[in-house]
């Protein structure tokens, strides 16, 4: 049977728009509700150190009012660990973070940062939080994630999405294919995300060892023109077309 591919919807940039002017509109919680109604399998939110989009109260409201699993993206800092342990979301994805970056620029260096990351993986896991590491599609990084005890990895798809069509993009796609296969071979659940849009999602969705995609910025940008249900619905249709015969599990 073809494996169903989950869609996690990142609502960060609804909060970005709200914060540009202040106040409460547009409300990321409303976007999460709409995403759930339109077929999302989970909600992703990145609580950054500078609170440039998602804020602490957003996390509390999402935990209290949304039935879908919440995937909290966070840097490996004591502040974020404390917040995650207080709320205990379904999952925490540990990501690299720099104040100067516009968006996440690459994967976490799990191989070089094992000594620092080990405590975060252990404490979150002990609290019943599913831990994932956002990494580049590199075998050494995957092996490090396994050594750290993280059950899940999310492959950074930015290099693939940003590559020009043709040989370069195909080469980046093959990196993802090989990494996803290696992840499954060593017992890791494999997710993918960053920069995916209607033109790039199909080949990634077709990788059979990827079980979840996390997509946000493009969906929210497209929703400005067509509405979130339509934006998400088309993305879901493209994902399903890449995996004919897959059946969504009952919630």
Protein backbone atom coordinates (compact mmCIF):
# COMPACT_ATOMS: atom_id res chain seq x y z
CA UNK A 1 0.00 0.00 0.00
CA UNK A 2 1.24 3.51 -0.85
CA UNK A 3 2.12 5.48 2.27
CA UNK A 4 -0.02 8.54 2.96
CA UNK A 5 1.95 11.80 3.04
CA UNK A 6 1.07 14.17 5.88
CA UNK A 7 0.94 17.93 5.40
CA UNK A 8 2.02 20.22 8.22
CA UNK A 9 1.02 23.85 7.66
CA UNK A 10 3.30 26.55 9.04
CA UNK A 11 1.34 29.63 10.16
CA UNK A 12 4.32 31.85 11.06
CA UNK A 13 3.76 34.42 8.35
CA UNK A 14 0.21 35.16 9.32
CA UNK A 15 1.79 36.32 12.56
CA UNK A 16 4.46 38.23 10.59
CA UNK A 17 1.71 40.26 8.89
CA UNK A 18 -0.05 40.86 12.20
CA UNK A 19 3.14 42.02 13.88
CA UNK A 20 3.96 44.45 11.07
CA UNK A 21 1.22 46.72 12.39
CA UNK A 22 0.57 45.36 15.87
CA UNK A 23 -2.77 44.38 17.31
CA UNK A 24 -4.51 41.06 16.77
CA UNK A 25 -5.28 40.91 13.03
CA UNK A 26 -4.69 38.69 11.12
CA UNK A 27 -4.89 36.01 13.81
CA UNK A 28 -2.62 32.96 13.32
CA UNK A 29 -5.02 30.88 15.39
CA UNK A 30 -7.74 31.56 12.82
CA UNK A 31 -5.35 30.45 10.09
CA UNK A 32 -4.66 27.24 12.03
CA UNK A 33 -8.40 26.56 12.31
CA UNK A 34 -8.88 27.15 8.59
CA UNK A 35 -5.93 24.91 7.75
CA UNK A 36 -7.44 22.15 9.88
CA UNK A 37 -10.78 22.48 8.10
CA UNK A 38 -9.03 22.44 4.70
CA UNK A 39 -7.23 19.15 5.39
CA UNK A 40 -3.95 19.92 7.18
CA UNK A 41 -2.59 17.06 9.25
CA UNK A 42 -0.70 19.28 11.68
CA UNK A 43 0.25 22.87 12.48
CA UNK A 44 3.82 24.14 12.64
CA UNK A 45 4.90 27.34 14.41
CA UNK A 46 8.42 28.69 14.98
CA UNK A 47 8.89 30.62 18.22
CA UNK A 48 12.00 32.67 17.52
CA UNK A 49 14.19 34.35 20.11
CA UNK A 50 13.21 37.79 18.77
CA UNK A 51 9.49 36.88 18.48
CA UNK A 52 9.41 38.29 14.96
CA UNK A 53 6.27 36.31 14.12
CA UNK A 54 4.87 33.68 16.52
CA UNK A 55 4.61 34.94 20.10
CA UNK A 56 4.36 33.10 23.42
CA UNK A 57 0.61 33.68 23.70
CA UNK A 58 0.15 32.20 20.22
CA UNK A 59 1.73 28.95 21.40
CA UNK A 60 -0.53 28.85 24.45
CA UNK A 61 -3.64 29.46 22.35
CA UNK A 62 -2.68 26.88 19.75
CA UNK A 63 -2.16 24.28 22.46
CA UNK A 64 -5.48 25.10 24.10
CA UNK A 65 -7.71 25.51 21.07
CA UNK A 66 -6.41 23.44 18.14
CA UNK A 67 -7.06 19.70 17.96
CA UNK A 68 -4.34 19.04 15.37
CA UNK A 69 -0.82 18.12 16.52
CA UNK A 70 1.39 21.17 17.08
CA UNK A 71 4.98 21.04 15.83
CA UNK A 72 6.91 23.76 17.66
CA UNK A 73 10.07 24.83 15.87
CA UNK A 74 12.71 26.10 18.28
CA UNK A 75 16.38 26.86 18.69
CA UNK A 76 18.42 24.79 21.12
CA UNK A 77 18.42 27.36 23.95
CA UNK A 78 17.48 27.06 27.60
CA UNK A 79 14.68 29.60 27.15
CA UNK A 80 13.05 27.61 24.35
CA UNK A 81 13.53 24.32 26.18
CA UNK A 82 11.71 25.74 29.19
CA UNK A 83 8.81 26.93 27.03
CA UNK A 84 8.57 23.60 25.24
CA UNK A 85 8.59 21.63 28.50
CA UNK A 86 5.89 23.89 29.94
CA UNK A 87 3.53 23.44 26.96
CA UNK A 88 4.56 19.93 25.86
CA UNK A 89 3.46 20.13 22.21
CA UNK A 90 3.13 17.00 20.13
CA UNK A 91 6.54 17.67 18.55
CA UNK A 92 9.50 20.01 18.69
CA UNK A 93 11.72 20.52 15.67
CA UNK A 94 15.13 21.88 16.66
CA UNK A 95 16.36 24.34 14.05
CA UNK A 96 19.39 26.61 13.65
CA UNK A 97 18.64 30.24 14.33
CA UNK A 98 20.47 33.53 13.69
CA UNK A 99 19.09 36.97 14.47
CA UNK A 100 20.35 38.36 11.16
CA UNK A 101 18.68 35.78 8.89
CA UNK A 102 15.42 36.51 7.09
CA UNK A 103 14.47 32.83 7.21
CA UNK A 104 16.23 29.61 8.17
CA UNK A 105 19.23 29.43 5.86
CA UNK A 106 20.24 25.79 6.18
CA UNK A 107 20.19 22.71 8.30
CA UNK A 108 21.33 22.21 11.87
CA UNK A 109 24.87 20.90 12.33
CA UNK A 110 23.89 17.83 14.33
CA UNK A 111 27.24 16.16 13.66
CA UNK A 112 29.26 19.07 14.99
CA UNK A 113 26.87 19.96 17.79
CA UNK A 114 26.15 16.61 19.42
CA UNK A 115 27.53 17.65 22.80
CA UNK A 116 25.22 20.69 22.92
CA UNK A 117 22.13 19.05 21.41
CA UNK A 118 22.10 15.85 23.45
CA UNK A 119 20.47 17.41 26.54
CA UNK A 120 17.68 19.00 24.49
CA UNK A 121 16.83 15.75 22.71
CA UNK A 122 16.87 13.80 25.97
CA UNK A 123 14.79 16.25 28.05
CA UNK A 124 12.16 16.76 25.36
CA UNK A 125 11.91 13.04 24.72
CA UNK A 126 11.59 12.29 28.42
CA UNK A 127 8.68 14.76 28.56
CA UNK A 128 6.85 12.85 25.84
CA UNK A 129 7.61 15.35 23.07
CA UNK A 130 8.54 13.89 19.69
CA UNK A 131 11.88 15.45 18.74
CA UNK A 132 12.98 16.16 15.19
CA UNK A 133 16.16 17.77 13.90
CA UNK A 134 16.06 20.08 10.87
CA UNK A 135 19.14 19.04 8.87
CA UNK A 136 20.60 19.13 5.39
CA UNK A 137 20.24 15.96 3.30
CA UNK A 138 23.63 14.63 4.35
CA UNK A 139 24.40 11.11 5.59
CA UNK A 140 26.70 12.30 8.38
CA UNK A 141 23.96 14.55 9.74
CA UNK A 142 21.44 11.72 9.62
CA UNK A 143 23.80 9.39 11.47
CA UNK A 144 24.37 12.09 14.10
CA UNK A 145 20.62 12.51 14.57
CA UNK A 146 20.30 8.80 15.21
CA UNK A 147 23.20 8.83 17.67
CA UNK A 148 21.53 11.70 19.53
CA UNK A 149 18.35 9.66 19.87
CA UNK A 150 16.09 11.94 17.82
CA UNK A 151 13.36 9.77 16.29
CA UNK A 152 12.62 12.19 13.44
CA UNK A 153 14.56 14.32 10.96
CA UNK A 154 13.29 17.04 8.67
CA UNK A 155 15.32 17.44 5.50
CA UNK A 156 16.01 21.02 4.42
CA UNK A 157 14.66 21.31 0.86
CA UNK A 158 15.82 24.89 0.26
CA UNK A 159 18.77 24.01 -1.98
CA UNK A 160 16.51 21.89 -4.16
CA UNK A 161 13.80 24.55 -4.39
CA UNK A 162 16.24 27.36 -5.14
CA UNK A 163 18.24 25.46 -7.77
CA UNK A 164 17.53 26.32 -11.41
CA UNK A 165 15.45 23.78 -13.29
CA UNK A 166 17.52 21.15 -15.04
CA UNK A 167 20.62 19.28 -13.97
CA UNK A 168 21.24 21.28 -10.77
CA UNK A 169 17.74 20.77 -9.44
CA UNK A 170 17.80 17.08 -10.32
CA UNK A 171 21.09 16.70 -8.48
CA UNK A 172 19.59 18.32 -5.37
CA UNK A 173 16.52 16.10 -5.68
CA UNK A 174 18.71 13.01 -5.75
CA UNK A 175 20.42 14.19 -2.55
CA UNK A 176 17.00 14.26 -0.93
CA UNK A 177 16.10 10.83 -2.31
CA UNK A 178 19.32 9.28 -0.98
CA UNK A 179 19.02 11.00 2.40
CA UNK A 180 15.40 9.94 2.87
CA UNK A 181 16.27 6.35 2.03
CA UNK A 182 19.19 6.41 4.47
CA UNK A 183 16.97 7.89 7.18
CA UNK A 184 14.52 5.01 6.90
CA UNK A 185 17.34 2.47 6.76
CA UNK A 186 18.70 3.65 10.12
CA UNK A 187 15.28 3.85 11.74
CA UNK A 188 14.45 7.56 11.49
CA UNK A 189 11.10 9.00 10.45
CA UNK A 190 11.79 11.41 7.60
CA UNK A 191 10.05 14.74 7.00
CA UNK A 192 10.97 17.49 4.53
CA UNK A 193 10.34 21.19 4.06
CA UNK A 194 11.48 24.73 3.29
CA UNK A 195 10.67 26.68 0.14
CA UNK A 196 8.30 24.13 -1.40
CA UNK A 197 5.69 25.48 -3.82
CA UNK A 198 3.35 24.15 -6.50
CA UNK A 199 6.23 23.69 -8.95
CA UNK A 200 8.63 21.90 -6.61
CA UNK A 201 6.43 19.84 -4.31
CA UNK A 202 5.60 16.95 -6.64
CA UNK A 203 9.04 15.31 -6.91
CA UNK A 204 9.62 15.60 -3.15
CA UNK A 205 6.15 14.25 -2.39
CA UNK A 206 6.94 11.27 -4.61
CA UNK A 207 9.90 10.20 -2.45
CA UNK A 208 8.36 7.14 -0.78
CA UNK A 209 10.39 7.31 2.44
CA UNK A 210 9.27 10.88 3.26
CA UNK A 211 6.22 10.79 5.52
CA UNK A 212 5.50 14.48 6.11
CA UNK A 213 5.99 17.82 4.38
CA UNK A 214 5.97 21.12 6.26
CA UNK A 215 4.99 24.10 4.13
CA UNK A 216 4.12 27.62 5.16
CA UNK A 217 5.39 30.76 3.42
CA UNK A 218 4.19 29.82 -0.06
CA UNK A 219 0.76 28.68 1.16
CA UNK A 220 0.20 31.91 3.08
CA UNK A 221 1.43 34.06 0.21
CA UNK A 222 -0.81 32.28 -2.29
CA UNK A 223 -3.72 32.59 0.14
CA UNK A 224 -3.57 36.38 -0.28
CA UNK A 225 -4.83 35.84 -3.83
CA UNK A 226 -7.01 32.72 -3.66
CA UNK A 227 -7.78 32.15 0.03
CA UNK A 228 -6.23 29.63 2.38
CA UNK A 229 -8.64 26.72 1.68
CA UNK A 230 -7.93 26.96 -2.04
CA UNK A 231 -4.18 27.41 -1.55
CA UNK A 232 -3.94 24.45 0.77
CA UNK A 233 -6.36 22.38 -1.29
CA UNK A 234 -4.26 22.66 -4.42
CA UNK A 235 -1.08 21.76 -2.51
CA UNK A 236 -2.82 18.74 -1.00
CA UNK A 237 -3.98 17.68 -4.47
CA UNK A 238 -0.44 17.89 -5.86
CA UNK A 239 0.87 15.83 -2.96
CA UNK A 240 -1.84 13.21 -3.48
CA UNK A 241 -1.15 13.09 -7.23
CA UNK A 242 2.47 12.21 -6.42
CA UNK A 243 1.25 9.21 -4.39
CA UNK A 244 -1.69 7.67 -6.22
CA UNK A 245 -3.59 5.17 -4.14
CA UNK A 246 -2.55 6.53 -0.77
CA UNK A 247 -5.38 6.62 1.79
CA UNK A 248 -5.53 9.15 4.59
CA UNK A 249 -5.74 7.41 7.98
CA UNK A 250 -8.82 8.09 10.06
CA UNK A 251 -8.24 10.80 12.67
